[in-house]
Amino acid sequence: QVQLVESGGGLVQAGDSLRLSCAVTGRPFESYYVGWFRQAPGKEREFVSAVMWGKPITHYSDSVKDRVTISRDYATDTVNSQMNSLKPEDTGVYYCGVTLGYWIRAAGYDFWGQGTQVTVSS
């Protein structure tokens, strides 16, 4: 059983930065991906970024790839998402999850955290 706890969300202005953290416990397999998704009201959960648990292989959505950096802190077993130049359209609840499957598909994720709210005002 893998457990995930997100933190770091908040209310910011357009152009600001935030760092989201996902604390991972339960020793995922090295080939697991840890992914960040976001969900705006009335919309489906949308892929943002992912990193392989055992290697620094990363993936990003086109909408964030020049503004977001995902990384794993091996000392604390935390996956961080540094988000810069935030836009109002980045607003939503951000979830982290783990999957052995295709990292871009929310339906394939096996475990999720409870989410953290990010609100970007214009």
C-alpha atoms as a PDB file:
ATOM      1  CA  GLN A   1       0.000   0.000   0.000  1.00  0.00           C
ATOM      2  CA  VAL A   2       1.408   3.366  -1.061  1.00  0.00           C
ATOM      3  CA  GLN A   3       0.247   6.513   0.675  1.00  0.00           C
ATOM      4  CA  LEU A   4       0.646  10.037  -0.640  1.00  0.00           C
ATOM      5  CA  VAL A   5       0.136  13.401   1.054  1.00  0.00           C
ATOM      6  CA  GLU A   6       0.204  16.642  -0.939  1.00  0.00           C
ATOM      7  CA  SER A   7       1.098  20.057   0.434  1.00  0.00           C
ATOM      8  CA  GLY A   8       2.111  23.495  -0.768  1.00  0.00           C
ATOM      9  CA  GLY A   9      -1.011  24.810  -2.443  1.00  0.00           C
ATOM     10  CA  GLY A  10      -2.366  28.286  -1.887  1.00  0.00           C
ATOM     11  CA  LEU A  11      -3.713  31.513  -3.338  1.00  0.00           C
ATOM     12  CA  VAL A  12      -1.248  33.417  -5.502  1.00  0.00           C
ATOM     13  CA  GLN A  13      -1.271  36.058  -8.207  1.00  0.00           C
ATOM     14  CA  ALA A  14      -0.562  35.498 -11.870  1.00  0.00           C
ATOM     15  CA  GLY A  15       3.187  35.340 -12.455  1.00  0.00           C
ATOM     16  CA  ASP A  16       3.965  34.003  -8.978  1.00  0.00           C
ATOM     17  CA  SER A  17       5.560  30.655  -8.142  1.00  0.00           C
ATOM     18  CA  LEU A  18       4.537  27.733  -5.947  1.00  0.00           C
ATOM     19  CA  ARG A  19       6.215  24.501  -4.947  1.00  0.00           C
ATOM     20  CA  LEU A  20       3.933  21.536  -4.408  1.00  0.00           C
ATOM     21  CA  SER A  21       5.190  18.531  -2.469  1.00  0.00           C
ATOM     22  CA  CYS A  22       3.997  14.936  -2.430  1.00  0.00           C
ATOM     23  CA  ALA A  23       5.234  12.848   0.497  1.00  0.00           C
ATOM     24  CA  VAL A  24       5.311   9.183  -0.524  1.00  0.00           C
ATOM     25  CA  THR A  25       5.315   6.278   1.930  1.00  0.00           C
ATOM     26  CA  GLY A  26       4.983   2.552   1.411  1.00  0.00           C
ATOM     27  CA  ARG A  27       8.061   1.939  -0.776  1.00  0.00           C
ATOM     28  CA  PRO A  28       6.766   2.021  -4.360  1.00  0.00           C
ATOM     29  CA  PHE A  29       8.514  -0.152  -6.913  1.00  0.00           C
ATOM     30  CA  GLU A  30      11.348   1.561  -8.776  1.00  0.00           C
ATOM     31  CA  SER A  31       9.391   1.444 -12.022  1.00  0.00           C
ATOM     32  CA  TYR A  32       6.408   3.296 -10.579  1.00  0.00           C
ATOM     33  CA  TYR A  33       5.680   6.746 -11.904  1.00  0.00           C
ATOM     34  CA  VAL A  34       4.604   9.491  -9.518  1.00  0.00           C
ATOM     35  CA  GLY A  35       2.418  11.929 -11.360  1.00  0.00           C
ATOM     36  CA  TRP A  36       0.799  15.293 -10.706  1.00  0.00           C
ATOM     37  CA  PHE A  37      -2.667  15.960 -12.045  1.00  0.00           C
ATOM     38  CA  ARG A  38      -5.012  18.887 -11.604  1.00  0.00           C
ATOM     39  CA  GLN A  39      -8.767  19.161 -11.670  1.00  0.00           C
ATOM     40  CA  ALA A  40     -10.742  22.353 -12.165  1.00  0.00           C
ATOM     41  CA  PRO A  41     -14.440  22.512 -11.183  1.00  0.00           C
ATOM     42  CA  GLY A  42     -16.573  20.678 -13.701  1.00  0.00           C
ATOM     43  CA  LYS A  43     -13.586  19.333 -15.616  1.00  0.00           C
ATOM     44  CA  GLU A  44     -11.773  16.012 -15.815  1.00  0.00           C
ATOM     45  CA  ARG A  45      -8.529  15.350 -13.998  1.00  0.00           C
ATOM     46  CA  GLU A  46      -5.735  16.602 -16.259  1.00  0.00           C
ATOM     47  CA  PHE A  47      -2.142  15.351 -16.471  1.00  0.00           C
ATOM     48  CA  VAL A  48       0.517  17.900 -15.463  1.00  0.00           C
ATOM     49  CA  SER A  49       3.818  16.071 -14.920  1.00  0.00           C
ATOM     50  CA  ALA A  50       5.332  12.754 -13.871  1.00  0.00           C
ATOM     51  CA  VAL A  51       8.658  11.340 -12.702  1.00  0.00           C
ATOM     52  CA  MET A  52       9.798   7.734 -12.456  1.00  0.00           C
ATOM     53  CA  TRP A  53      10.349   6.720  -8.871  1.00  0.00           C
ATOM     54  CA  GLY A  54      13.677   4.939  -9.488  1.00  0.00           C
ATOM     55  CA  LYS A  55      15.166   7.117 -12.250  1.00  0.00           C
ATOM     56  CA  PRO A  56      15.057  10.831 -13.079  1.00  0.00           C
ATOM     57  CA  ILE A  57      12.857  10.329 -16.142  1.00  0.00           C
ATOM     58  CA  THR A  58      10.283  13.099 -16.391  1.00  0.00           C
ATOM     59  CA  HIS A  59       7.276  13.979 -18.533  1.00  0.00           C
ATOM     60  CA  TYR A  60       5.285  17.189 -18.816  1.00  0.00           C
ATOM     61  CA  SER A  61       2.084  18.340 -20.437  1.00  0.00           C
ATOM     62  CA  ASP A  62       2.513  20.869 -23.226  1.00  0.00           C
ATOM     63  CA  SER A  63       0.676  23.496 -21.175  1.00  0.00           C
ATOM     64  CA  VAL A  64       3.271  23.507 -18.378  1.00  0.00           C
ATOM     65  CA  LYS A  65       6.519  22.108 -19.803  1.00  0.00           C
ATOM     66  CA  ASP A  66       8.371  25.439 -19.816  1.00  0.00           C
ATOM     67  CA  ARG A  67       7.094  26.480 -16.389  1.00  0.00           C
ATOM     68  CA  VAL A  68       7.087  23.361 -14.216  1.00  0.00           C
ATOM     69  CA  THR A  69       9.901  21.153 -12.935  1.00  0.00           C
ATOM     70  CA  ILE A  70       9.168  17.826 -11.240  1.00  0.00           C
ATOM     71  CA  SER A  71      11.785  16.059  -9.163  1.00  0.00           C
ATOM     72  CA  ARG A  72      12.180  13.420  -6.489  1.00  0.00           C
ATOM     73  CA  ASP A  73      13.992  14.188  -3.260  1.00  0.00           C
ATOM     74  CA  TYR A  74      15.677  10.855  -2.497  1.00  0.00           C
ATOM     75  CA  ALA A  75      16.484  11.864   1.068  1.00  0.00           C
ATOM     76  CA  THR A  76      12.874  12.498   2.060  1.00  0.00           C
ATOM     77  CA  ASP A  77      10.955  10.367  -0.490  1.00  0.00           C
ATOM     78  CA  THR A  78       9.110  13.448  -1.620  1.00  0.00           C
ATOM     79  CA  VAL A  79       8.185  14.421  -5.170  1.00  0.00           C
ATOM     80  CA  ASN A  80       8.250  18.160  -5.698  1.00  0.00           C
ATOM     81  CA  SER A  81       6.659  20.227  -8.433  1.00  0.00           C
ATOM     82  CA  GLN A  82       8.139  23.694  -8.840  1.00  0.00           C
ATOM     83  CA  MET A  83       5.627  25.824 -10.721  1.00  0.00           C
ATOM     84  CA  ASN A  84       6.672  29.209 -12.076  1.00  0.00           C
ATOM     85  CA  SER A  85       4.918  31.965 -14.014  1.00  0.00           C
ATOM     86  CA  LEU A  86       1.539  30.743 -12.802  1.00  0.00           C
ATOM     87  CA  LYS A  87      -1.547  31.594 -14.826  1.00  0.00           C
ATOM     88  CA  PRO A  88      -5.236  31.759 -13.828  1.00  0.00           C
ATOM     89  CA  GLU A  89      -5.820  28.640 -15.946  1.00  0.00           C
ATOM     90  CA  ASP A  90      -3.485  26.730 -13.610  1.00  0.00           C
ATOM     91  CA  THR A  91      -6.178  26.968 -10.919  1.00  0.00           C
ATOM     92  CA  GLY A  92      -7.495  23.661  -9.600  1.00  0.00           C
ATOM     93  CA  VAL A  93      -7.033  20.918  -7.059  1.00  0.00           C
ATOM     94  CA  TYR A  94      -3.664  19.273  -7.578  1.00  0.00           C
ATOM     95  CA  TYR A  95      -3.347  15.571  -6.871  1.00  0.00           C
ATOM     96  CA  CYS A  96      -0.344  13.282  -6.853  1.00  0.00           C
ATOM     97  CA  GLY A  97      -0.648   9.596  -7.600  1.00  0.00           C
ATOM     98  CA  VAL A  98       1.370   6.505  -8.460  1.00  0.00           C
ATOM     99  CA  THR A  99       1.057   4.118 -11.376  1.00  0.00           C
ATOM    100  CA  LEU A 100       2.827   1.174 -12.955  1.00  0.00           C
ATOM    101  CA  GLY A 101       0.991   1.966 -16.151  1.00  0.00           C
ATOM    102  CA  TYR A 102       0.953   4.795 -18.642  1.00  0.00           C
ATOM    103  CA  TRP A 103       1.841   7.922 -16.699  1.00  0.00           C
ATOM    104  CA  ILE A 104      -0.465  10.245 -18.652  1.00  0.00           C
ATOM    105  CA  ARG A 105      -3.733   8.362 -17.919  1.00  0.00           C
ATOM    106  CA  ALA A 106      -5.435   9.216 -14.629  1.00  0.00           C
ATOM    107  CA  ALA A 107      -7.531   6.045 -14.829  1.00  0.00           C
ATOM    108  CA  GLY A 108      -4.373   3.936 -14.584  1.00  0.00           C
ATOM    109  CA  TYR A 109      -3.188   5.349 -11.289  1.00  0.00           C
ATOM    110  CA  ASP A 110      -3.347   2.984  -8.336  1.00  0.00           C
ATOM    111  CA  PHE A 111      -3.128   5.370  -5.385  1.00  0.00           C
ATOM    112  CA  TRP A 112      -3.895   9.066  -4.948  1.00  0.00           C
ATOM    113  CA  GLY A 113      -3.371  11.720  -2.324  1.00  0.00           C
ATOM    114  CA  GLN A 114      -6.158  13.923  -0.998  1.00  0.00           C
ATOM    115  CA  GLY A 115      -5.245  16.932  -3.148  1.00  0.00           C
ATOM    116  CA  THR A 116      -4.143  20.505  -2.513  1.00  0.00           C
ATOM    117  CA  GLN A 117      -5.888  23.608  -3.835  1.00  0.00           C
ATOM    118  CA  VAL A 118      -4.052  26.047  -6.081  1.00  0.00           C
ATOM    119  CA  THR A 119      -5.792  29.304  -6.953  1.00  0.00           C
ATOM    120  CA  VAL A 120      -4.178  31.822  -9.277  1.00  0.00           C
ATOM    121  CA  SER A 121      -5.796  35.241  -9.434  1.00  0.00           C
ATOM    122  CA  SER A 122      -5.415  37.542 -12.416  1.00  0.00           C
END
